[in-house]
Amino acid sequence: MRLEDIPISQIRRPLPRANDPKKVKALMDSIAEIGLQEPIEVLEVEGQYYGFSGCHRYEACQRLGHQTIRCRVRRAPKAVLQMHLA
């Protein structure tokens, strides 16, 4: 696993989630003040990035207008991606 700043626009979020607006707002305030403290985790499958966790952090950074987000990147084959989508 490696740490990398990835453009938010390049991270696919294939499973829609309903985020808690209060939690997103609290994270926005925290990230604006001290920065993102915990990277989100993404899968890299054939050069594409997929995010399944860190939804609130992702949305907070996106709403703050950040162009990139710090990620823990784990390379995986398509079979692992399919398991996440099942």
C-alpha atoms as a PDB file:
ATOM      1  CA  MET A   1       0.000   0.000   0.000  1.00  0.00           C
ATOM      2  CA  ARG A   2       1.265   3.473  -0.805  1.00  0.00           C
ATOM      3  CA  LEU A   3       0.221   7.021   0.115  1.00  0.00           C
ATOM      4  CA  GLU A   4      -0.570   9.340  -2.763  1.00  0.00           C
ATOM      5  CA  ASP A   5      -2.432  12.584  -3.432  1.00  0.00           C
ATOM      6  CA  ILE A   6      -4.948  11.708  -6.141  1.00  0.00           C
ATOM      7  CA  PRO A   7      -7.170  14.129  -8.068  1.00  0.00           C
ATOM      8  CA  ILE A   8     -10.674  13.869  -6.640  1.00  0.00           C
ATOM      9  CA  SER A   9     -12.058  13.806 -10.188  1.00  0.00           C
ATOM     10  CA  GLN A  10     -10.174  10.552 -10.882  1.00  0.00           C
ATOM     11  CA  ILE A  11     -11.733   8.595  -8.000  1.00  0.00           C
ATOM     12  CA  ARG A  12     -14.808   6.606  -8.939  1.00  0.00           C
ATOM     13  CA  ARG A  13     -17.389   5.996  -6.202  1.00  0.00           C
ATOM     14  CA  PRO A  14     -19.525   3.207  -7.670  1.00  0.00           C
ATOM     15  CA  LEU A  15     -21.694   2.629  -4.595  1.00  0.00           C
ATOM     16  CA  PRO A  16     -23.850   5.646  -3.730  1.00  0.00           C
ATOM     17  CA  ARG A  17     -23.969   6.432  -0.026  1.00  0.00           C
ATOM     18  CA  ALA A  18     -26.146   8.771   1.989  1.00  0.00           C
ATOM     19  CA  ASN A  19     -23.765  10.844   4.073  1.00  0.00           C
ATOM     20  CA  ASP A  20     -24.705  12.480   7.363  1.00  0.00           C
ATOM     21  CA  PRO A  21     -24.705  16.243   6.568  1.00  0.00           C
ATOM     22  CA  LYS A  22     -23.678  17.137  10.143  1.00  0.00           C
ATOM     23  CA  LYS A  23     -20.679  14.823   9.984  1.00  0.00           C
ATOM     24  CA  VAL A  24     -19.653  16.229   6.586  1.00  0.00           C
ATOM     25  CA  LYS A  25     -19.915  19.796   7.950  1.00  0.00           C
ATOM     26  CA  ALA A  26     -17.858  18.911  11.037  1.00  0.00           C
ATOM     27  CA  LEU A  27     -15.211  17.327   8.825  1.00  0.00           C
ATOM     28  CA  MET A  28     -15.210  20.366   6.531  1.00  0.00           C
ATOM     29  CA  ASP A  29     -14.541  22.605   9.531  1.00  0.00           C
ATOM     30  CA  SER A  30     -11.768  20.321  10.785  1.00  0.00           C
ATOM     31  CA  ILE A  31     -10.123  19.872   7.376  1.00  0.00           C
ATOM     32  CA  ALA A  32     -10.254  23.616   6.718  1.00  0.00           C
ATOM     33  CA  GLU A  33      -8.544  24.255  10.058  1.00  0.00           C
ATOM     34  CA  ILE A  34      -5.963  21.461  10.346  1.00  0.00           C
ATOM     35  CA  GLY A  35      -6.095  19.523   7.073  1.00  0.00           C
ATOM     36  CA  LEU A  36      -7.109  15.968   6.335  1.00  0.00           C
ATOM     37  CA  GLN A  37      -5.680  13.824   9.131  1.00  0.00           C
ATOM     38  CA  GLU A  38      -6.679  10.358   7.910  1.00  0.00           C
ATOM     39  CA  PRO A  39      -6.303   9.411   4.226  1.00  0.00           C
ATOM     40  CA  ILE A  40      -9.122   7.618   2.460  1.00  0.00           C
ATOM     41  CA  GLU A  41      -8.525   4.156   1.024  1.00  0.00           C
ATOM     42  CA  VAL A  42      -8.839   3.456  -2.685  1.00  0.00           C
ATOM     43  CA  LEU A  43      -8.358   0.440  -4.905  1.00  0.00           C
ATOM     44  CA  GLU A  44      -6.290   0.862  -8.048  1.00  0.00           C
ATOM     45  CA  VAL A  45      -7.556  -1.518 -10.712  1.00  0.00           C
ATOM     46  CA  GLU A  46      -5.957  -1.307 -14.152  1.00  0.00           C
ATOM     47  CA  GLY A  47      -4.996   2.346 -13.600  1.00  0.00           C
ATOM     48  CA  GLN A  48      -8.443   3.400 -12.337  1.00  0.00           C
ATOM     49  CA  TYR A  49      -9.110   4.445  -8.738  1.00  0.00           C
ATOM     50  CA  TYR A  50     -12.190   3.231  -6.836  1.00  0.00           C
ATOM     51  CA  GLY A  51     -13.269   4.504  -3.431  1.00  0.00           C
ATOM     52  CA  PHE A  52     -15.548   2.501  -1.153  1.00  0.00           C
ATOM     53  CA  SER A  53     -14.746   4.004   2.257  1.00  0.00           C
ATOM     54  CA  GLY A  54     -14.036   7.485   3.557  1.00  0.00           C
ATOM     55  CA  CYS A  55     -17.265   8.818   2.046  1.00  0.00           C
ATOM     56  CA  HIS A  56     -17.639  11.674   4.530  1.00  0.00           C
ATOM     57  CA  ARG A  57     -13.997  12.745   4.165  1.00  0.00           C
ATOM     58  CA  TYR A  58     -14.262  12.510   0.374  1.00  0.00           C
ATOM     59  CA  GLU A  59     -17.406  14.673   0.297  1.00  0.00           C
ATOM     60  CA  ALA A  60     -15.946  17.191   2.762  1.00  0.00           C
ATOM     61  CA  CYS A  61     -12.808  17.656   0.644  1.00  0.00           C
ATOM     62  CA  GLN A  62     -14.879  17.831  -2.521  1.00  0.00           C
ATOM     63  CA  ARG A  63     -17.189  20.502  -1.043  1.00  0.00           C
ATOM     64  CA  LEU A  64     -14.173  22.467   0.179  1.00  0.00           C
ATOM     65  CA  GLY A  65     -12.999  22.626  -3.426  1.00  0.00           C
ATOM     66  CA  HIS A  66      -9.874  20.515  -2.975  1.00  0.00           C
ATOM     67  CA  GLN A  67      -8.445  19.281  -6.246  1.00  0.00           C
ATOM     68  CA  THR A  68      -6.705  16.272  -4.675  1.00  0.00           C
ATOM     69  CA  ILE A  69      -7.180  14.036  -1.658  1.00  0.00           C
ATOM     70  CA  ARG A  70      -4.596  11.993   0.279  1.00  0.00           C
ATOM     71  CA  CYS A  71      -5.210   8.274  -0.311  1.00  0.00           C
ATOM     72  CA  ARG A  72      -3.911   4.920   0.786  1.00  0.00           C
ATOM     73  CA  VAL A  73      -3.719   3.141  -2.538  1.00  0.00           C
ATOM     74  CA  ARG A  74      -3.949  -0.630  -2.809  1.00  0.00           C
ATOM     75  CA  ARG A  75      -3.497  -2.293  -6.187  1.00  0.00           C
ATOM     76  CA  ALA A  76      -6.003  -5.015  -6.875  1.00  0.00           C
ATOM     77  CA  PRO A  77      -7.160  -7.231  -9.741  1.00  0.00           C
ATOM     78  CA  LYS A  78     -10.646  -6.937 -11.249  1.00  0.00           C
ATOM     79  CA  ALA A  79     -11.792  -9.904  -9.131  1.00  0.00           C
ATOM     80  CA  VAL A  80     -11.305  -7.862  -5.943  1.00  0.00           C
ATOM     81  CA  LEU A  81     -13.209  -4.925  -7.462  1.00  0.00           C
ATOM     82  CA  GLN A  82     -16.062  -7.288  -8.358  1.00  0.00           C
ATOM     83  CA  MET A  83     -16.228  -8.504  -4.744  1.00  0.00           C
ATOM     84  CA  HIS A  84     -16.645  -4.897  -3.558  1.00  0.00           C
ATOM     85  CA  LEU A  85     -19.437  -4.357  -6.085  1.00  0.00           C
ATOM     86  CA  ALA A  86     -21.340  -7.530  -5.219  1.00  0.00           C
END
